[in-house]
Structures are given as C-alpha cells and as structure tokens.
C-alpha cells in the first residue's frame, strides 16, 4: 500500500477525520453565533448538516477501507 499514500492515510485516519469534519461546521457556526450575533437557528442547521457531512465522510472512509482490504495486496 506504499504506492498509494492517500489511500493509506484514509485507511489509518479516516475515522478521526470524519469526526473532525462533522464537528467543523457546528463549531464555526457557534463562533459566528457568539461573536457575529447570528441567529440561533443557524446553529441547529449546522448541527444537522455537520452530522450529515460527518456520516458521508465516514461512509467514504469505510468504503476506502473495504476497497483497500479487497483489492490491494497486503
């Protein structure tokens, strides 16, 4: 798997990255609510969208893991 560093990175760090990606939008919107006085509804929307994006990224990471396990020689 040394020939495919992006696949190796995704296999080893995909789960943690999905959590980070899912939390990034809600954290940024909470900062906007606190400092820019955005409406609180944006916070609810950010939580929903962040959960969806985190789930999609987690799915991508797991699919990468499956493909790496099945197709790449160990």
Protein backbone atom coordinates (compact mmCIF):
# COMPACT_ATOMS: atom_id res chain seq x y z
CA UNK A 1 0.00 0.00 0.00
CA UNK A 2 3.08 2.22 -0.06
CA UNK A 3 2.27 3.13 -3.67
CA UNK A 4 -0.98 4.78 -2.59
CA UNK A 5 -0.26 7.22 0.23
CA UNK A 6 -3.70 8.87 0.08
CA UNK A 7 -5.43 5.50 0.49
CA UNK A 8 -3.12 4.60 3.35
CA UNK A 9 -3.79 7.94 5.04
CA UNK A 10 -7.54 7.48 4.63
CA UNK A 11 -7.43 3.94 5.98
CA UNK A 12 -5.46 4.92 9.07
CA UNK A 13 -7.06 8.31 9.83
CA UNK A 14 -10.49 8.18 8.16
CA UNK A 15 -12.50 7.60 11.33
CA UNK A 16 -10.89 10.51 13.20
CA UNK A 17 -11.18 12.77 10.17
CA UNK A 18 -14.89 12.04 9.89
CA UNK A 19 -15.39 13.26 13.45
CA UNK A 20 -13.34 16.37 12.75
CA UNK A 21 -15.22 17.10 9.52
CA UNK A 22 -18.57 16.58 11.24
CA UNK A 23 -17.71 18.97 14.07
CA UNK A 24 -16.05 21.70 11.98
CA UNK A 25 -19.23 23.37 10.69
CA UNK A 26 -21.09 23.44 14.04
CA UNK A 27 -18.03 24.88 15.78
CA UNK A 28 -17.63 27.60 13.15
CA UNK A 29 -21.31 28.48 13.34
CA UNK A 30 -21.20 28.58 17.14
CA UNK A 31 -18.35 31.04 16.88
CA UNK A 32 -20.49 33.07 14.47
CA UNK A 33 -23.41 32.96 16.90
CA UNK A 34 -21.21 34.08 19.78
CA UNK A 35 -19.25 36.84 18.07
CA UNK A 36 -21.20 37.91 14.98
CA UNK A 37 -24.64 37.64 16.63
CA UNK A 38 -26.03 35.20 14.08
CA UNK A 39 -29.46 33.76 14.76
CA UNK A 40 -29.55 30.53 16.80
CA UNK A 41 -31.41 28.72 14.01
CA UNK A 42 -28.12 28.59 12.09
CA UNK A 43 -26.71 26.53 14.96
CA UNK A 44 -29.43 23.90 14.60
CA UNK A 45 -28.92 23.82 10.83
CA UNK A 46 -25.15 23.48 11.30
CA UNK A 47 -25.59 20.53 13.66
CA UNK A 48 -27.86 18.74 11.18
CA UNK A 49 -25.61 19.44 8.19
CA UNK A 50 -22.48 18.61 10.18
CA UNK A 51 -23.94 15.25 11.19
CA UNK A 52 -24.81 14.51 7.56
CA UNK A 53 -21.40 15.52 6.25
CA UNK A 54 -19.67 13.55 9.01
CA UNK A 55 -21.73 10.48 8.16
CA UNK A 56 -20.97 10.85 4.46
CA UNK A 57 -17.24 11.20 5.17
CA UNK A 58 -17.35 8.19 7.49
CA UNK A 59 -19.03 6.19 4.73
CA UNK A 60 -16.32 7.26 2.29
CA UNK A 61 -13.62 6.25 4.76
CA UNK A 62 -15.20 2.83 5.30
CA UNK A 63 -15.58 2.27 1.56
CA UNK A 64 -11.92 3.15 1.13
CA UNK A 65 -11.08 0.60 3.84
CA UNK A 66 -13.15 -2.09 2.10
CA UNK A 67 -11.57 -1.39 -1.27
CA UNK A 68 -8.08 -1.39 0.23
CA UNK A 69 -8.73 -4.70 2.00
CA UNK A 70 -10.17 -6.41 -1.06
CA UNK A 71 -8.12 -5.07 -3.95
CA UNK A 72 -4.72 -4.01 -2.71
CA UNK A 73 -2.13 -6.67 -1.89
CA UNK A 74 -1.01 -6.74 1.71
